[in-house]
């Protein structure tokens, strides 16, 4: 037969049976969305704030449930080593001739540019050779800045010689020479007075 069969309706007896079966069925539970955990949200929010502030959170221990914070402070750049004056006994040995200079340089008569280049080159070579005490001559000197001077006829800073006497100590104190220069001070009158400097170099690192 080519025709479609009609849908058979339930009899009264079948409907009664189905009603009894349906009454014993338990409906499936619907899946509800998970409710947010307030404690977890608080921890996530705290972690984000600490990350923006540069603070790291680490576990304090297993099962402890606590956390400790460690503030990360950037390391400060290391500054140049400080200068130190010559020891008294070392100066006395130099003045009495018991300790000779390892090397000397005479900047007298040079321009500032020439003197600066010559001084830097001299100090680097002396340091590489392991020298400890060197003499730097800036010009003809006298008894010092507080006494009368035989240089410059009362105007020591009006010529190039007087300028060198003023700027050479400034060069020696610059940060780029601190790894070489340990200290310096005005020489004794027998070695030039205010026109010369005793310069002590640092020991070369092995």
N, C-alpha and C. Protein backbone atom coordinates (compact mmCIF):
# COMPACT_ATOMS: atom_id res chain seq x y z
N UNK A 1 0.85 -1.20 0.00
CA UNK A 1 0.00 0.00 0.00
C UNK A 1 0.88 1.24 0.00
N UNK A 2 0.49 2.18 -0.87
CA UNK A 2 1.32 3.37 -1.00
C UNK A 2 0.92 4.51 -0.10
N UNK A 3 -0.28 4.48 0.49
CA UNK A 3 -0.72 5.59 1.33
C UNK A 3 -0.08 5.57 2.70
N UNK A 4 -0.04 6.76 3.38
CA UNK A 4 0.54 6.85 4.72
C UNK A 4 -0.44 6.33 5.72
N UNK A 5 0.11 5.65 6.67
CA UNK A 5 -0.73 5.16 7.73
C UNK A 5 -1.08 6.30 8.69
N UNK A 6 -2.32 6.34 9.11
CA UNK A 6 -2.74 7.38 10.02
C UNK A 6 -2.20 7.15 11.42
N UNK A 7 -2.05 8.25 12.20
CA UNK A 7 -1.49 8.16 13.55
C UNK A 7 -2.55 7.55 14.47
N UNK A 8 -2.16 6.50 15.17
CA UNK A 8 -3.08 5.78 16.05
C UNK A 8 -3.20 6.51 17.37
N UNK A 9 -4.40 6.80 17.79
CA UNK A 9 -4.63 7.49 19.05
C UNK A 9 -4.66 6.49 20.19
N UNK A 10 -4.27 7.01 21.39
CA UNK A 10 -4.23 6.13 22.56
C UNK A 10 -5.66 5.87 23.05
N UNK A 11 -5.75 4.65 23.50
CA UNK A 11 -7.07 4.28 24.06
C UNK A 11 -7.18 4.84 25.48
N UNK A 12 -8.33 4.78 26.03
CA UNK A 12 -8.54 5.28 27.39
C UNK A 12 -7.70 4.53 28.39
N UNK A 13 -7.58 3.23 28.18
CA UNK A 13 -6.77 2.40 29.09
C UNK A 13 -5.30 2.77 29.01
N UNK A 14 -4.81 3.06 27.75
CA UNK A 14 -3.39 3.45 27.59
C UNK A 14 -3.11 4.80 28.24
N UNK A 15 -4.06 5.71 28.14
CA UNK A 15 -3.86 7.02 28.75
C UNK A 15 -3.76 6.92 30.26
N UNK A 16 -4.54 6.03 30.86
CA UNK A 16 -4.47 5.86 32.31
C UNK A 16 -3.12 5.29 32.74
N UNK A 17 -2.63 4.33 31.94
CA UNK A 17 -1.32 3.72 32.26
C UNK A 17 -0.21 4.79 32.15
N UNK A 18 -0.24 5.59 31.10
CA UNK A 18 0.80 6.61 30.86
C UNK A 18 0.80 7.68 31.95
N UNK A 19 -0.38 8.03 32.42
CA UNK A 19 -0.47 9.01 33.49
C UNK A 19 0.18 8.50 34.76
N UNK A 20 -0.01 7.19 35.07
CA UNK A 20 0.62 6.61 36.25
C UNK A 20 2.14 6.58 36.11
N UNK A 21 2.64 6.24 34.90
CA UNK A 21 4.09 6.19 34.68
C UNK A 21 4.70 7.59 34.78
N UNK A 22 4.04 8.57 34.17
CA UNK A 22 4.56 9.95 34.19
C UNK A 22 4.64 10.50 35.58
N UNK A 23 3.74 10.05 36.47
CA UNK A 23 3.76 10.56 37.83
C UNK A 23 4.97 10.10 38.61
N UNK A 24 5.58 8.99 38.17
CA UNK A 24 6.76 8.47 38.88
C UNK A 24 8.07 9.05 38.37
N UNK A 25 8.04 9.84 37.29
CA UNK A 25 9.27 10.37 36.71
C UNK A 25 9.73 11.63 37.46
N UNK A 26 11.09 11.81 37.57
CA UNK A 26 11.70 13.00 38.22
C UNK A 26 12.31 13.89 37.14
N UNK A 27 11.93 15.13 37.05
CA UNK A 27 12.47 16.00 35.99
C UNK A 27 13.97 16.25 36.19
N UNK A 28 14.68 16.39 35.07
CA UNK A 28 16.12 16.67 35.11
C UNK A 28 16.38 18.06 35.66
N UNK A 29 17.50 18.20 36.46
CA UNK A 29 17.88 19.50 37.01
C UNK A 29 18.48 20.38 35.93
N UNK A 30 18.04 21.61 35.87
CA UNK A 30 18.59 22.56 34.89
C UNK A 30 19.95 23.08 35.37
N UNK A 31 20.88 23.28 34.44
CA UNK A 31 22.21 23.78 34.78
C UNK A 31 22.18 25.28 34.97
N UNK A 32 22.49 25.73 36.17
CA UNK A 32 22.51 27.15 36.46
C UNK A 32 23.94 27.69 36.38
N UNK A 33 24.11 28.93 35.95
CA UNK A 33 25.46 29.50 35.88
C UNK A 33 26.09 29.58 37.27
N UNK A 34 27.42 29.38 37.31
CA UNK A 34 28.13 29.41 38.57
C UNK A 34 28.12 30.82 39.14
N UNK A 35 27.88 30.91 40.42
CA UNK A 35 27.90 32.20 41.07
C UNK A 35 29.35 32.61 41.36
N UNK A 36 29.70 33.90 41.17
CA UNK A 36 31.09 34.34 41.42
C UNK A 36 31.47 34.18 42.88
N UNK A 37 32.73 33.78 43.07
CA UNK A 37 33.27 33.61 44.41
C UNK A 37 33.82 34.95 44.88
N UNK A 38 33.25 35.58 45.89
CA UNK A 38 33.73 36.91 46.32
C UNK A 38 35.16 36.89 46.83
N UNK A 39 35.58 35.80 47.48
CA UNK A 39 36.96 35.73 47.99
C UNK A 39 37.95 35.69 46.83
N UNK A 40 37.62 34.89 45.79
CA UNK A 40 38.51 34.78 44.64
C UNK A 40 38.60 36.10 43.89
N UNK A 41 37.47 36.78 43.73
CA UNK A 41 37.49 38.07 43.06
C UNK A 41 38.33 39.09 43.84
N UNK A 42 38.25 39.04 45.16
CA UNK A 42 39.04 39.97 45.98
C UNK A 42 40.53 39.71 45.81
N UNK A 43 40.94 38.43 45.79
CA UNK A 43 42.35 38.10 45.63
C UNK A 43 42.86 38.53 44.25
N UNK A 44 42.03 38.30 43.20
CA UNK A 44 42.45 38.70 41.85
C UNK A 44 42.58 40.21 41.76
N UNK A 45 41.65 40.94 42.36
CA UNK A 45 41.72 42.39 42.33
C UNK A 45 42.95 42.90 43.08
N UNK A 46 43.24 42.28 44.23
CA UNK A 46 44.42 42.67 45.01
C UNK A 46 45.70 42.39 44.25
N UNK A 47 45.76 41.25 43.56
CA UNK A 47 46.96 40.90 42.78
C UNK A 47 47.18 41.89 41.66
N UNK A 48 46.10 42.33 40.99
CA UNK A 48 46.25 43.31 39.91
C UNK A 48 46.76 44.64 40.45
N UNK A 49 46.24 45.09 41.60
CA UNK A 49 46.70 46.35 42.18
C UNK A 49 48.17 46.27 42.60
N UNK A 50 48.56 45.13 43.16
CA UNK A 50 49.95 44.97 43.58
C UNK A 50 50.88 44.92 42.39
N UNK A 51 50.44 44.31 41.30
CA UNK A 51 51.26 44.23 40.09
C UNK A 51 51.49 45.62 39.51
N UNK A 52 50.44 46.46 39.52
CA UNK A 52 50.60 47.82 39.01
C UNK A 52 51.52 48.65 39.91
N UNK A 53 51.52 48.33 41.20
CA UNK A 53 52.36 49.08 42.14
C UNK A 53 53.77 48.53 42.22
N UNK A 54 54.08 47.46 41.48
CA UNK A 54 55.42 46.88 41.51
C UNK A 54 55.68 46.03 42.72
N UNK A 55 54.65 45.43 43.32
CA UNK A 55 54.79 44.59 44.50
C UNK A 55 54.48 43.16 44.11
N UNK A 56 55.34 42.24 44.53
CA UNK A 56 55.18 40.83 44.20
C UNK A 56 54.55 40.10 45.37
N UNK A 57 53.60 39.19 45.06
CA UNK A 57 52.96 38.39 46.10
C UNK A 57 53.50 36.96 46.00
N UNK A 58 53.92 36.41 47.13
CA UNK A 58 54.44 35.04 47.16
C UNK A 58 53.76 34.29 48.28
N UNK A 59 53.60 32.98 48.06
CA UNK A 59 52.98 32.16 49.10
C UNK A 59 53.89 32.05 50.30
N UNK A 60 53.34 32.20 51.49
CA UNK A 60 54.15 32.12 52.72
C UNK A 60 54.38 30.68 53.14
N UNK A 61 53.58 29.75 52.67
CA UNK A 61 53.76 28.35 53.03
C UNK A 61 52.57 27.54 52.57
N UNK A 62 52.73 26.25 52.42
CA UNK A 62 51.67 25.39 51.97
C UNK A 62 50.64 25.23 53.06
N UNK A 63 49.36 25.42 52.68
CA UNK A 63 48.26 25.25 53.62
C UNK A 63 48.13 26.38 54.60
N UNK A 64 49.00 27.39 54.52
CA UNK A 64 48.92 28.47 55.49
C UNK A 64 47.82 29.44 55.13
N UNK A 65 47.59 29.60 53.82
CA UNK A 65 46.52 30.49 53.38
C UNK A 65 46.85 31.96 53.54
N UNK A 66 48.11 32.29 53.76
CA UNK A 66 48.51 33.69 53.90
C UNK A 66 49.50 34.03 52.83
N UNK A 67 49.77 35.32 52.66
CA UNK A 67 50.71 35.78 51.64
C UNK A 67 51.55 36.90 52.22
N UNK A 68 52.75 37.03 51.72
CA UNK A 68 53.62 38.11 52.16
C UNK A 68 54.03 38.92 50.95
N UNK A 69 54.25 40.18 51.14
CA UNK A 69 54.61 41.05 50.03
C UNK A 69 56.07 41.41 50.12
N UNK A 70 56.71 41.53 48.96
CA UNK A 70 58.11 41.92 48.89
C UNK A 70 58.21 43.11 47.95
N UNK A 71 58.60 44.26 48.48
CA UNK A 71 58.71 45.46 47.67
C UNK A 71 60.04 45.44 46.94
N UNK A 72 59.97 45.53 45.64
CA UNK A 72 61.17 45.50 44.82
C UNK A 72 61.63 46.94 44.59
N UNK A 73 62.73 47.30 45.20
CA UNK A 73 63.29 48.64 45.02
C UNK A 73 64.44 48.54 44.03
N UNK A 74 64.48 49.43 43.04
CA UNK A 74 65.57 49.38 42.06
C UNK A 74 66.91 49.66 42.70
N UNK A 75 67.92 48.93 42.27
CA UNK A 75 69.27 49.11 42.82
C UNK A 75 69.83 50.45 42.40
N UNK A 76 70.37 51.18 43.35
CA UNK A 76 70.96 52.47 43.04
C UNK A 76 72.30 52.29 42.36
N UNK A 77 72.56 53.12 41.35
CA UNK A 77 73.86 53.00 40.67
C UNK A 77 75.00 53.30 41.64
N UNK A 78 76.03 52.52 41.55
CA UNK A 78 77.18 52.69 42.44
C UNK A 78 77.96 53.93 42.05
N UNK A 79 78.19 54.81 43.00
CA UNK A 79 78.91 56.04 42.73
C UNK A 79 80.41 55.82 42.71
N UNK A 80 81.16 56.83 42.28
CA UNK A 80 82.62 56.70 42.25
C UNK A 80 83.20 56.60 43.65
N UNK A 81 84.31 55.91 43.82
CA UNK A 81 84.91 55.80 45.16
C UNK A 81 85.39 57.17 45.64
N UNK A 82 85.35 57.41 46.96
CA UNK A 82 85.74 58.72 47.49
C UNK A 82 87.25 58.93 47.42
N UNK A 83 87.64 60.20 47.45
CA UNK A 83 89.05 60.55 47.49
C UNK A 83 89.54 60.52 48.94
N UNK A 84 90.83 60.24 49.08
CA UNK A 84 91.43 60.17 50.42
C UNK A 84 92.76 60.91 50.40
N UNK A 85 93.05 61.70 51.42
CA UNK A 85 94.33 62.42 51.46
C UNK A 85 95.50 61.46 51.68
N UNK A 86 96.68 61.95 51.36
CA UNK A 86 97.88 61.15 51.60
C UNK A 86 98.06 60.94 53.10
N UNK A 87 98.54 59.77 53.43
CA UNK A 87 98.83 59.50 54.83
C UNK A 87 100.01 60.37 55.28
N UNK A 88 99.98 60.74 56.54
CA UNK A 88 101.01 61.66 57.06
C UNK A 88 102.41 61.08 56.93
N UNK A 89 102.54 59.80 57.24
CA UNK A 89 103.88 59.19 57.17
C UNK A 89 104.37 59.10 55.73
N UNK A 90 103.45 58.91 54.79
CA UNK A 90 103.84 58.85 53.37
C UNK A 90 104.33 60.23 52.92
N UNK A 91 103.60 61.27 53.32
CA UNK A 91 104.02 62.63 52.94
C UNK A 91 105.38 62.96 53.56
N UNK A 92 105.58 62.59 54.82
CA UNK A 92 106.85 62.87 55.47
C UNK A 92 108.01 62.19 54.75
N UNK A 93 107.80 60.96 54.31
CA UNK A 93 108.85 60.25 53.59
C UNK A 93 109.17 60.95 52.26
N UNK A 94 108.12 61.48 51.60
CA UNK A 94 108.33 62.17 50.33
C UNK A 94 109.11 63.47 50.56
N UNK A 95 108.71 64.22 51.57
CA UNK A 95 109.36 65.51 51.85
C UNK A 95 110.81 65.30 52.26
N UNK A 96 111.09 64.27 53.04
CA UNK A 96 112.46 64.01 53.52
C UNK A 96 113.31 63.27 52.50
N UNK A 97 112.75 62.96 51.35
CA UNK A 97 113.51 62.28 50.33
C UNK A 97 113.64 60.79 50.55
N UNK A 98 112.89 60.24 51.51
CA UNK A 98 112.93 58.81 51.79
C UNK A 98 112.02 58.02 50.84
N UNK A 99 111.16 58.73 50.14
CA UNK A 99 110.25 58.09 49.19
C UNK A 99 110.27 58.92 47.91
N UNK A 100 110.71 58.31 46.84
CA UNK A 100 110.80 59.02 45.56
C UNK A 100 109.50 58.86 44.78
N UNK A 101 109.30 59.72 43.81
CA UNK A 101 108.13 59.63 42.96
C UNK A 101 108.32 58.51 41.94
N UNK A 102 107.22 57.83 41.64
CA UNK A 102 107.28 56.78 40.61
C UNK A 102 107.32 57.39 39.21
N UNK A 103 106.74 58.58 39.06
CA UNK A 103 106.75 59.28 37.78
C UNK A 103 106.35 60.72 38.02
N UNK A 104 106.61 61.59 37.04
CA UNK A 104 106.22 62.98 37.14
C UNK A 104 105.87 63.50 35.76
N UNK A 105 105.03 64.55 35.75
CA UNK A 105 104.67 65.22 34.51
C UNK A 105 104.65 66.72 34.76
N UNK A 106 105.17 67.47 33.79
CA UNK A 106 105.23 68.92 33.90
C UNK A 106 104.27 69.52 32.88
N UNK A 107 103.20 70.13 33.37
CA UNK A 107 102.19 70.74 32.50
C UNK A 107 102.45 72.23 32.28
N UNK A 108 103.55 72.72 32.84
CA UNK A 108 103.85 74.15 32.76
C UNK A 108 104.01 74.57 31.30
N UNK A 109 103.33 75.65 30.94
CA UNK A 109 103.43 76.19 29.58
C UNK A 109 102.42 75.63 28.61
N UNK A 110 101.62 74.63 29.00
CA UNK A 110 100.62 74.04 28.11
C UNK A 110 99.29 74.79 28.21
N UNK A 111 98.51 74.70 27.16
CA UNK A 111 97.15 75.22 27.22
C UNK A 111 96.29 74.24 28.01
N UNK A 112 95.07 74.67 28.35
CA UNK A 112 94.18 73.79 29.10
C UNK A 112 93.89 72.51 28.32
N UNK A 113 93.63 72.64 27.05
CA UNK A 113 93.31 71.46 26.23
C UNK A 113 94.49 70.49 26.18
N UNK A 114 95.67 71.04 25.95
CA UNK A 114 96.87 70.19 25.90
C UNK A 114 97.14 69.55 27.26
N UNK A 115 97.02 70.35 28.32
CA UNK A 115 97.31 69.84 29.65
C UNK A 115 96.32 68.75 30.06
N UNK A 116 95.06 68.93 29.71
CA UNK A 116 94.05 67.93 30.07
C UNK A 116 94.33 66.60 29.39
N UNK A 117 94.62 66.63 28.11
CA UNK A 117 94.92 65.39 27.38
C UNK A 117 96.19 64.74 27.91
N UNK A 118 97.23 65.53 28.14
CA UNK A 118 98.50 64.99 28.63
C UNK A 118 98.34 64.38 30.02
N UNK A 119 97.58 65.05 30.88
CA UNK A 119 97.40 64.55 32.25
C UNK A 119 96.64 63.23 32.26
N UNK A 120 95.56 63.14 31.51
CA UNK A 120 94.77 61.91 31.47
C UNK A 120 95.61 60.75 30.94
N UNK A 121 96.34 61.00 29.87
CA UNK A 121 97.18 59.94 29.31
C UNK A 121 98.27 59.50 30.27
N UNK A 122 98.88 60.48 30.94
CA UNK A 122 99.93 60.18 31.91
C UNK A 122 99.39 59.33 33.06
N UNK A 123 98.24 59.70 33.61
CA UNK A 123 97.68 58.96 34.74
C UNK A 123 97.28 57.54 34.36
N UNK A 124 96.73 57.36 33.19
CA UNK A 124 96.35 56.02 32.75
C UNK A 124 97.57 55.12 32.57
N UNK A 125 98.63 55.66 31.99
CA UNK A 125 99.85 54.88 31.81
C UNK A 125 100.47 54.55 33.16
N UNK A 126 100.51 55.54 34.06
CA UNK A 126 101.09 55.31 35.39
C UNK A 126 100.29 54.26 36.15
N UNK A 127 99.00 54.29 36.01
CA UNK A 127 98.15 53.29 36.69
C UNK A 127 98.41 51.90 36.12
N UNK A 128 98.51 51.80 34.82
CA UNK A 128 98.76 50.50 34.21
C UNK A 128 100.12 49.94 34.59
N UNK A 129 101.07 50.80 34.85
CA UNK A 129 102.41 50.36 35.25
C UNK A 129 102.53 50.10 36.74
N UNK A 130 101.45 50.31 37.48
CA UNK A 130 101.47 50.03 38.90
C UNK A 130 102.09 51.11 39.76
N UNK A 131 102.23 52.34 39.24
CA UNK A 131 102.79 53.42 40.04
C UNK A 131 101.83 53.80 41.16
N UNK A 132 102.41 54.32 42.25
CA UNK A 132 101.61 54.68 43.42
C UNK A 132 101.61 56.19 43.67
N UNK A 133 102.80 56.82 43.68
CA UNK A 133 102.92 58.24 43.93
C UNK A 133 103.52 58.91 42.70
N UNK A 134 102.83 59.91 42.17
CA UNK A 134 103.34 60.67 41.03
C UNK A 134 103.26 62.16 41.36
N UNK A 135 104.08 62.93 40.69
CA UNK A 135 104.12 64.38 40.89
C UNK A 135 103.58 65.06 39.64
N UNK A 136 102.61 65.93 39.82
CA UNK A 136 102.03 66.70 38.72
C UNK A 136 102.39 68.16 38.93
N UNK A 137 103.17 68.73 38.01
CA UNK A 137 103.62 70.11 38.10
C UNK A 137 102.71 70.97 37.21
N UNK A 138 102.08 71.95 37.82
CA UNK A 138 101.17 72.83 37.08
C UNK A 138 101.82 74.16 36.73
N UNK A 139 102.87 74.53 37.41
CA UNK A 139 103.57 75.79 37.14
C UNK A 139 104.45 76.14 38.32
N UNK A 140 105.10 77.31 38.23
CA UNK A 140 105.95 77.75 39.32
C UNK A 140 105.09 78.19 40.49
N UNK A 141 105.36 77.64 41.64
CA UNK A 141 104.55 77.94 42.82
C UNK A 141 105.34 78.60 43.91
N UNK A 142 104.68 78.78 45.04
CA UNK A 142 105.32 79.39 46.19
C UNK A 142 104.89 78.69 47.45
N UNK A 143 104.55 79.49 48.48
CA UNK A 143 104.22 78.92 49.77
C UNK A 143 102.78 78.48 49.88
N UNK A 144 101.98 78.69 48.85
CA UNK A 144 100.59 78.21 48.90
C UNK A 144 99.61 79.34 48.69
N UNK A 145 98.35 78.97 48.69
CA UNK A 145 97.30 79.92 48.40
C UNK A 145 97.12 80.94 49.51
N UNK A 146 97.48 80.60 50.74
CA UNK A 146 97.30 81.52 51.86
C UNK A 146 98.51 82.42 52.11
N UNK A 147 99.60 82.16 51.40
CA UNK A 147 100.80 82.96 51.59
C UNK A 147 101.17 83.68 50.32
N UNK A 148 102.28 84.34 50.32
CA UNK A 148 102.72 85.05 49.12
C UNK A 148 103.20 84.06 48.10
N UNK A 149 103.02 84.39 46.84
CA UNK A 149 103.40 83.49 45.76
C UNK A 149 104.37 84.20 44.85
N UNK A 150 105.30 83.42 44.32
CA UNK A 150 106.29 83.99 43.42
C UNK A 150 105.83 83.91 41.98
N UNK A 151 104.64 83.33 41.73
CA UNK A 151 104.16 83.16 40.37
C UNK A 151 103.07 84.16 40.07
N UNK A 152 103.08 84.70 38.89
CA UNK A 152 102.01 85.54 38.40
C UNK A 152 102.07 86.97 38.91
N UNK A 153 103.03 87.32 39.76
CA UNK A 153 103.20 88.67 40.26
C UNK A 153 101.90 89.18 40.88
N UNK A 154 101.27 88.35 41.73
CA UNK A 154 100.06 88.76 42.43
C UNK A 154 98.79 88.46 41.66
N UNK A 155 98.89 88.02 40.42
CA UNK A 155 97.70 87.67 39.63
C UNK A 155 97.87 86.27 39.08
N UNK A 156 97.81 85.22 39.93
CA UNK A 156 98.11 83.86 39.50
C UNK A 156 97.11 83.29 38.52
N UNK A 157 95.88 83.84 38.42
CA UNK A 157 94.88 83.24 37.55
C UNK A 157 94.68 84.04 36.26
N UNK A 158 95.52 85.00 36.02
CA UNK A 158 95.36 85.80 34.82
C UNK A 158 96.04 85.18 33.61
N UNK A 159 96.93 84.20 33.81
CA UNK A 159 97.58 83.56 32.67
C UNK A 159 97.27 82.09 32.68
N UNK A 160 97.72 81.40 31.65
CA UNK A 160 97.43 79.97 31.51
C UNK A 160 98.04 79.17 32.63
N UNK A 161 99.18 79.60 33.14
CA UNK A 161 99.84 78.89 34.22
C UNK A 161 98.99 78.91 35.48
N UNK A 162 98.44 80.07 35.80
CA UNK A 162 97.58 80.18 36.97
C UNK A 162 96.29 79.41 36.81
N UNK A 163 95.75 79.37 35.59
CA UNK A 163 94.52 78.62 35.34
C UNK A 163 94.74 77.14 35.55
N UNK A 164 95.88 76.62 35.09
CA UNK A 164 96.16 75.19 35.27
C UNK A 164 96.25 74.85 36.76
N UNK A 165 96.84 75.74 37.53
CA UNK A 165 96.95 75.48 38.96
C UNK A 165 95.56 75.38 39.61
N UNK A 166 94.59 76.04 39.01
CA UNK A 166 93.24 76.01 39.56
C UNK A 166 92.43 74.82 39.04
N UNK A 167 92.57 74.50 37.74
CA UNK A 167 91.69 73.49 37.14
C UNK A 167 92.21 72.06 37.27
N UNK A 168 93.53 71.89 37.42
CA UNK A 168 94.06 70.52 37.53
C UNK A 168 93.47 69.78 38.73
N UNK A 169 93.38 70.40 39.92
CA UNK A 169 92.72 69.69 41.02
C UNK A 169 91.27 69.32 40.70
N UNK A 170 90.59 70.16 39.94
CA UNK A 170 89.22 69.85 39.55
C UNK A 170 89.19 68.63 38.62
N UNK A 171 90.14 68.55 37.72
CA UNK A 171 90.21 67.38 36.83
C UNK A 171 90.48 66.10 37.62
N UNK A 172 91.38 66.19 38.58
CA UNK A 172 91.73 65.00 39.37
C UNK A 172 90.56 64.51 40.21
N UNK A 173 89.66 65.43 40.56
CA UNK A 173 88.52 65.05 41.40
C UNK A 173 87.31 64.59 40.60
N UNK A 174 87.41 64.60 39.27
CA UNK A 174 86.28 64.21 38.44
C UNK A 174 86.00 62.71 38.56
N UNK A 175 84.73 62.34 38.37
CA UNK A 175 84.31 60.96 38.58
C UNK A 175 84.99 59.98 37.63
N UNK A 176 85.31 60.43 36.40
CA UNK A 176 85.88 59.50 35.43
C UNK A 176 87.33 59.13 35.73
N UNK A 177 87.94 59.81 36.73
CA UNK A 177 89.31 59.46 37.13
C UNK A 177 89.37 58.85 38.53
N UNK A 178 88.20 58.67 39.16
CA UNK A 178 88.19 58.14 40.53
C UNK A 178 88.70 56.70 40.60
N UNK A 179 88.55 55.94 39.52
CA UNK A 179 89.04 54.56 39.55
C UNK A 179 90.56 54.50 39.45
N UNK A 180 91.19 55.65 39.20
CA UNK A 180 92.65 55.73 39.09
C UNK A 180 93.23 56.52 40.25
N UNK A 181 92.65 57.68 40.53
CA UNK A 181 93.18 58.60 41.54
C UNK A 181 92.59 58.27 42.91
N UNK A 182 93.48 58.00 43.86
CA UNK A 182 93.05 57.74 45.23
C UNK A 182 92.97 59.03 46.04
N UNK A 183 93.88 59.97 45.77
CA UNK A 183 93.88 61.23 46.48
C UNK A 183 95.00 62.12 45.97
N UNK A 184 94.96 63.39 46.36
CA UNK A 184 96.03 64.33 45.96
C UNK A 184 96.03 65.50 46.94
N UNK A 185 97.15 66.21 46.99
CA UNK A 185 97.26 67.41 47.82
C UNK A 185 98.44 68.22 47.35
N UNK A 186 98.47 69.46 47.79
CA UNK A 186 99.52 70.39 47.36
C UNK A 186 100.89 69.89 47.82
N UNK A 187 101.86 70.04 46.96
CA UNK A 187 103.21 69.55 47.25
C UNK A 187 103.92 70.46 48.25
N UNK A 188 104.97 69.91 48.83
CA UNK A 188 105.82 70.69 49.72
C UNK A 188 106.60 71.70 48.89
N UNK A 189 107.06 72.77 49.56
CA UNK A 189 107.78 73.83 48.87
C UNK A 189 108.99 73.30 48.11
N UNK A 190 109.62 72.27 48.66
CA UNK A 190 110.81 71.72 47.99
C UNK A 190 110.48 71.04 46.66
N UNK A 191 109.20 70.71 46.45
CA UNK A 191 108.78 70.04 45.21
C UNK A 191 107.87 70.92 44.35
N UNK A 192 107.82 72.21 44.69
CA UNK A 192 107.03 73.11 43.85
C UNK A 192 105.94 73.86 44.58
N UNK A 193 105.65 73.48 45.81
CA UNK A 193 104.64 74.20 46.57
C UNK A 193 103.28 74.19 45.90
N UNK A 194 102.68 75.38 45.78
CA UNK A 194 101.35 75.49 45.18
C UNK A 194 101.35 75.24 43.68
N UNK A 195 102.54 75.12 43.10
CA UNK A 195 102.63 74.86 41.66
C UNK A 195 102.77 73.38 41.34
N UNK A 196 102.55 72.50 42.31
CA UNK A 196 102.67 71.06 42.07
C UNK A 196 101.73 70.30 43.00
N UNK A 197 101.46 69.07 42.64
CA UNK A 197 100.55 68.23 43.43
C UNK A 197 101.13 66.84 43.59
N UNK A 198 101.02 66.32 44.82
CA UNK A 198 101.28 64.90 45.04
C UNK A 198 99.99 64.15 44.69
N UNK A 199 100.09 63.18 43.82
CA UNK A 199 98.92 62.41 43.41
C UNK A 199 99.18 60.94 43.75
N UNK A 200 98.28 60.38 44.52
CA UNK A 200 98.39 58.96 44.88
C UNK A 200 97.39 58.16 44.05
N UNK A 201 97.89 57.13 43.40
CA UNK A 201 97.06 56.30 42.53
C UNK A 201 96.59 55.04 43.25
N UNK A 202 95.49 54.53 42.80
CA UNK A 202 94.95 53.28 43.38
C UNK A 202 95.77 52.10 42.86
N UNK A 203 95.70 51.04 43.64
CA UNK A 203 96.40 49.82 43.23
C UNK A 203 95.63 49.18 42.08
N UNK A 204 96.37 48.76 41.10
CA UNK A 204 95.75 48.14 39.94
C UNK A 204 95.17 46.78 40.31
N UNK A 205 93.93 46.55 39.89
CA UNK A 205 93.28 45.28 40.18
C UNK A 205 93.90 44.18 39.32
N UNK A 206 94.14 43.05 39.98
CA UNK A 206 94.77 41.93 39.25
C UNK A 206 93.77 41.34 38.25
